[in-house]
Structure formats: C-alpha cells, structure tokens
N, C-alpha and C. Protein backbone atom coordinates (compact mmCIF):
# COMPACT_ATOMS: atom_id res chain seq x y z
N UNK A 1 111.57 -9.99 19.09
CA UNK A 1 112.83 -10.08 19.48
C UNK A 1 112.84 -11.17 20.53
N UNK A 2 114.21 -11.84 20.53
CA UNK A 2 113.81 -13.31 21.30
C UNK A 2 115.75 -13.44 21.77
N UNK A 3 115.77 -14.34 23.04
CA UNK A 3 116.80 -14.33 23.65
C UNK A 3 117.21 -16.05 23.15
N UNK A 4 118.62 -16.33 22.88
CA UNK A 4 119.04 -17.85 22.85
C UNK A 4 120.28 -17.76 24.00
N UNK A 5 119.92 -19.10 24.67
CA UNK A 5 121.71 -19.35 25.06
C UNK A 5 122.20 -20.51 25.26
N UNK A 6 123.03 -20.62 24.69
CA UNK A 6 123.89 -21.83 24.09
C UNK A 6 125.16 -22.35 24.70
N UNK A 7 125.09 -23.74 25.24
CA UNK A 7 126.16 -24.33 25.84
C UNK A 7 127.19 -24.93 24.44
N UNK A 8 128.19 -24.66 24.20
CA UNK A 8 129.02 -25.78 23.40
C UNK A 8 129.90 -26.22 24.13
N UNK A 9 130.14 -27.54 23.61
CA UNK A 9 131.19 -28.57 24.29
C UNK A 9 131.86 -28.82 23.04
N UNK A 10 132.96 -29.36 23.46
CA UNK A 10 134.14 -29.92 22.47
C UNK A 10 135.23 -29.18 22.94
N UNK A 11 136.16 -29.14 21.56
CA UNK A 11 137.46 -28.67 21.88
C UNK A 11 137.39 -26.85 21.69
N UNK A 12 136.77 -26.38 22.46
CA UNK A 12 136.18 -24.78 22.41
C UNK A 12 137.07 -23.87 22.60
N UNK A 13 137.97 -24.20 23.36
CA UNK A 13 138.51 -22.69 24.04
C UNK A 13 140.11 -22.94 23.32
N UNK A 14 140.72 -21.75 23.36
CA UNK A 14 141.96 -21.79 22.64
C UNK A 14 141.82 -22.29 21.14
N UNK A 15 140.59 -22.16 20.47
CA UNK A 15 140.93 -21.90 18.96
C UNK A 15 139.62 -21.22 18.47
N UNK A 16 139.86 -19.84 18.79
CA UNK A 16 139.27 -18.43 18.49
C UNK A 16 137.98 -18.67 18.57
N UNK A 17 137.64 -19.25 19.50
CA UNK A 17 136.20 -19.83 19.31
C UNK A 17 135.21 -18.04 19.90
N UNK A 18 135.53 -17.76 20.91
CA UNK A 18 135.00 -16.41 21.39
C UNK A 18 135.10 -15.00 20.18
N UNK A 19 135.91 -15.20 19.97
CA UNK A 19 136.56 -13.96 18.70
C UNK A 19 135.72 -14.25 17.74
N UNK A 20 135.59 -15.74 17.49
CA UNK A 20 135.04 -15.25 15.81
C UNK A 20 133.53 -15.69 16.01
N UNK A 21 132.84 -15.94 17.13
CA UNK A 21 131.31 -15.81 17.59
C UNK A 21 130.67 -14.13 18.14
N UNK A 22 132.08 -13.39 18.82
CA UNK A 22 131.72 -12.25 18.86
C UNK A 22 131.52 -11.66 17.50
N UNK A 23 132.60 -11.92 16.45
CA UNK A 23 132.54 -11.33 15.30
C UNK A 23 131.25 -12.11 14.48
N UNK A 24 130.72 -12.47 14.25
CA UNK A 24 129.40 -13.38 13.40
C UNK A 24 128.18 -12.83 13.87
N UNK A 25 128.43 -12.64 15.67
CA UNK A 25 127.11 -12.15 16.19
C UNK A 25 127.24 -10.64 15.84
N UNK A 26 128.15 -9.88 15.69
CA UNK A 26 127.65 -8.70 15.79
C UNK A 26 127.22 -8.53 14.18
N UNK A 27 128.09 -9.39 13.17
CA UNK A 27 127.48 -9.05 11.71
C UNK A 27 126.42 -9.46 12.16
N UNK A 28 125.44 -10.28 12.55
CA UNK A 28 123.78 -10.25 12.63
C UNK A 28 123.57 -9.07 12.85
N UNK A 29 124.18 -8.62 14.18
CA UNK A 29 123.39 -7.35 14.61
C UNK A 29 122.76 -7.72 16.04
N UNK A 30 123.35 -8.92 16.63
CA UNK A 30 122.77 -9.34 17.93
C UNK A 30 123.64 -8.62 19.29
N UNK A 31 122.96 -8.90 20.37
CA UNK A 31 123.48 -8.29 21.36
C UNK A 31 123.75 -9.62 22.42
N UNK A 32 124.80 -9.28 23.38
CA UNK A 32 124.64 -10.18 24.66
C UNK A 32 126.08 -10.37 24.65
N UNK A 33 126.55 -11.83 25.09
CA UNK A 33 128.22 -12.29 25.14
C UNK A 33 128.47 -13.39 24.87
N UNK A 34 129.45 -13.64 25.08
CA UNK A 34 130.15 -15.17 24.55
C UNK A 34 131.34 -15.36 26.05
N UNK A 35 131.35 -16.89 26.42
CA UNK A 35 132.69 -16.28 27.66
C UNK A 35 132.94 -18.15 27.60
N UNK A 36 134.05 -17.99 28.25
CA UNK A 36 134.58 -19.19 28.29
C UNK A 36 134.17 -19.44 29.99
N UNK A 37 133.95 -21.08 30.31
CA UNK A 37 133.57 -21.68 31.13
C UNK A 37 134.65 -22.75 31.97
N UNK A 38 134.69 -22.87 33.65
CA UNK A 38 135.18 -23.61 34.20
C UNK A 38 135.40 -25.04 33.48
N UNK A 39 134.50 -25.54 33.03
CA UNK A 39 134.31 -27.32 32.50
C UNK A 39 134.68 -27.19 31.10
N UNK A 40 135.41 -26.04 30.32
CA UNK A 40 135.69 -26.41 29.18
C UNK A 40 135.13 -25.99 27.93
N UNK A 41 133.76 -25.77 28.01
CA UNK A 41 132.69 -25.61 27.07
C UNK A 41 132.72 -24.12 26.84
N UNK A 42 131.71 -23.31 26.21
CA UNK A 42 131.74 -22.25 25.60
C UNK A 42 130.10 -21.57 25.84
N UNK A 43 130.10 -20.57 26.71
CA UNK A 43 128.57 -20.10 27.38
C UNK A 43 128.35 -19.00 26.38
N UNK A 44 127.32 -18.88 25.17
CA UNK A 44 126.62 -17.96 25.25
C UNK A 44 124.93 -17.69 25.26
N UNK A 45 124.86 -16.03 25.75
CA UNK A 45 123.60 -15.51 25.16
C UNK A 45 123.49 -14.53 24.24
N UNK A 46 122.64 -14.53 23.87
CA UNK A 46 122.73 -13.56 22.79
C UNK A 46 120.85 -13.16 22.42
N UNK A 47 120.82 -11.88 22.20
CA UNK A 47 119.72 -11.08 21.85
C UNK A 47 119.60 -10.80 19.85
N UNK A 48 118.18 -10.67 19.66
CA UNK A 48 118.10 -10.17 18.42
C UNK A 48 116.73 -11.17 17.98
N UNK A 49 116.45 -10.31 16.26
CA UNK A 49 115.77 -11.41 16.04
C UNK A 49 115.75 -12.99 15.61
N UNK A 50 114.53 -13.57 15.87
CA UNK A 50 114.90 -15.04 16.14
C UNK A 50 115.63 -15.74 14.78
N UNK A 51 115.36 -15.48 13.54
CA UNK A 51 115.76 -16.06 12.17
C UNK A 51 117.35 -15.89 12.47
N UNK A 52 118.31 -14.31 13.27
CA UNK A 52 119.58 -14.04 13.28
C UNK A 52 119.86 -15.10 14.17
N UNK A 53 119.51 -15.01 15.46
CA UNK A 53 119.81 -16.29 16.67
C UNK A 53 120.24 -17.47 15.58
N UNK A 54 118.79 -18.14 14.94
CA UNK A 54 119.38 -19.44 14.20
C UNK A 54 120.48 -19.74 13.43
N UNK A 55 121.04 -17.96 12.65
CA UNK A 55 122.19 -18.26 12.35
C UNK A 55 123.07 -18.87 13.25
N UNK A 56 123.58 -17.74 14.14
CA UNK A 56 124.40 -17.75 14.90
C UNK A 56 124.54 -19.41 15.70
N UNK A 57 123.12 -19.70 16.09
CA UNK A 57 123.18 -21.44 16.69
C UNK A 57 123.76 -22.10 15.29
N UNK A 58 123.25 -21.98 14.08
CA UNK A 58 124.31 -23.05 13.09
C UNK A 58 125.88 -22.53 13.11
N UNK A 59 126.27 -21.14 13.29
CA UNK A 59 127.31 -21.17 13.51
C UNK A 59 128.46 -21.97 14.37
N UNK A 60 127.64 -22.39 15.52
CA UNK A 60 127.93 -22.57 16.91
C UNK A 60 128.04 -23.87 16.92
N UNK A 61 127.22 -24.08 16.10
CA UNK A 61 127.29 -25.99 16.09
C UNK A 61 128.74 -26.56 15.16
N UNK A 62 129.68 -25.67 14.38
CA UNK A 62 130.64 -25.99 13.29
C UNK A 62 132.07 -25.57 14.09
N UNK A 63 131.19 -24.13 14.60
CA UNK A 63 132.97 -22.73 15.29
C UNK A 63 133.68 -22.62 14.05
N UNK A 64 134.75 -22.26 14.73
CA UNK A 64 135.99 -21.45 13.44
C UNK A 64 136.75 -22.84 13.05
N UNK A 65 137.51 -22.71 12.36
CA UNK A 65 138.28 -23.76 11.72
C UNK A 65 138.94 -24.91 12.50
N UNK A 66 139.36 -24.37 13.44
CA UNK A 66 139.83 -25.09 14.30
C UNK A 66 138.91 -26.04 15.67
N UNK A 67 137.88 -25.73 15.74
CA UNK A 67 136.98 -26.24 16.65
C UNK A 67 136.48 -27.32 16.17
N UNK A 68 136.25 -28.13 17.43
CA UNK A 68 135.95 -29.69 17.51
C UNK A 68 134.49 -29.46 18.12
N UNK A 69 133.29 -29.16 17.86
CA UNK A 69 132.66 -29.30 18.35
C UNK A 69 131.49 -30.59 18.80
N UNK A 70 131.68 -30.91 20.34
CA UNK A 70 131.02 -32.02 20.10
C UNK A 70 129.12 -32.42 20.48
N UNK A 71 129.15 -31.35 20.76
CA UNK A 71 127.37 -30.82 21.31
C UNK A 71 127.42 -29.59 21.61
N UNK A 72 125.70 -29.26 21.35
CA UNK A 72 125.27 -27.91 21.49
C UNK A 72 124.07 -27.88 22.13
N UNK A 73 123.86 -27.23 23.12
CA UNK A 73 122.63 -27.21 23.98
C UNK A 73 122.25 -25.61 23.62
N UNK A 74 120.77 -25.81 23.58
CA UNK A 74 120.45 -24.09 23.71
C UNK A 74 118.58 -24.29 24.08
N UNK A 75 118.68 -22.91 24.15
CA UNK A 75 117.17 -22.38 24.48
C UNK A 75 117.05 -21.55 24.19
N UNK A 76 115.61 -21.18 23.90
CA UNK A 76 115.10 -19.86 23.57
C UNK A 76 114.36 -19.40 24.38
N UNK A 77 114.32 -18.02 24.25
CA UNK A 77 113.67 -17.30 25.84
C UNK A 77 113.33 -16.16 25.06
N UNK A 78 112.35 -15.58 26.01
CA UNK A 78 111.72 -13.91 25.65
C UNK A 78 113.22 -13.03 25.59
N UNK A 79 113.15 -11.98 24.74
CA UNK A 79 114.41 -11.15 25.02
C UNK A 79 113.98 -10.26 26.31
N UNK A 80 115.56 -9.95 27.25
CA UNK A 80 114.98 -8.86 27.90
C UNK A 80 115.55 -7.56 27.52
N UNK A 81 116.22 -7.54 26.74
CA UNK A 81 116.84 -6.23 26.23
C UNK A 81 117.65 -5.53 27.25
N UNK A 82 118.69 -6.27 27.37
CA UNK A 82 119.18 -6.02 28.47
C UNK A 82 121.20 -5.48 27.98
N UNK A 83 121.11 -6.07 26.85
CA UNK A 83 122.58 -6.12 26.50
C UNK A 83 122.78 -4.73 25.21
N UNK A 84 123.89 -3.80 24.86
CA UNK A 84 123.72 -2.77 24.23
C UNK A 84 125.04 -3.24 23.10
N UNK A 85 125.75 -4.43 23.50
CA UNK A 85 126.68 -4.49 22.30
C UNK A 85 126.56 -6.14 22.53
N UNK A 86 127.63 -6.92 21.46
CA UNK A 86 128.04 -8.24 21.45
C UNK A 86 129.31 -8.28 22.03
N UNK A 87 129.96 -8.78 23.41
CA UNK A 87 131.04 -9.10 23.64
C UNK A 87 131.53 -10.20 24.20
N UNK A 88 133.05 -10.33 23.87
CA UNK A 88 133.53 -11.81 24.57
C UNK A 88 134.07 -11.37 25.77
N UNK A 89 134.04 -11.90 26.84
CA UNK A 89 133.92 -11.93 28.06
C UNK A 89 135.60 -12.76 28.23
C-alpha cells in the first residue's frame, strides 16, 4: 500500500473535477480525498495499491471532459492508513 499526493493545475475547478476524481478513485478501490484549493488548483491525497494509484494519476493528467489540465505534480509516499473512504471536500 502506498500514498500519492497530487496537485493539478489549469482549468480544473467548476468542471466536475472533484466529482469525477471521487468516482474514479472509488471505482479503483482507493481511499483519501480531493479538494479545491484557493489558487484554483485541485489537491488529492489517495491511498491504495501502487498500480491503482498510477491509474488515478493518469486520469488526473487529463481530467473530465471540460477540464484543461496544464500541469500535474505528484509524490509517492508510504501509506498511513488514515482514510476509510474517498471523499470530495
């Protein structure tokens, strides 16, 4: 089990990015959360198997239909097992 922290930049708020990320993460069996940040980016923390986290990362590089992702920064860490579900804040 691993943890990934992802910051997504571009036109990523107001385009169902959080909702779709939650849907994808839950389908992949991941736990964690996604939230909008004051600077217009989206912040994601997720835990699960590394292969499923990589699938989530690939989704975030494109996002939902109306998103325009300019940049995605990410970092893998050790899992802390602190989440029970995947939520959108």
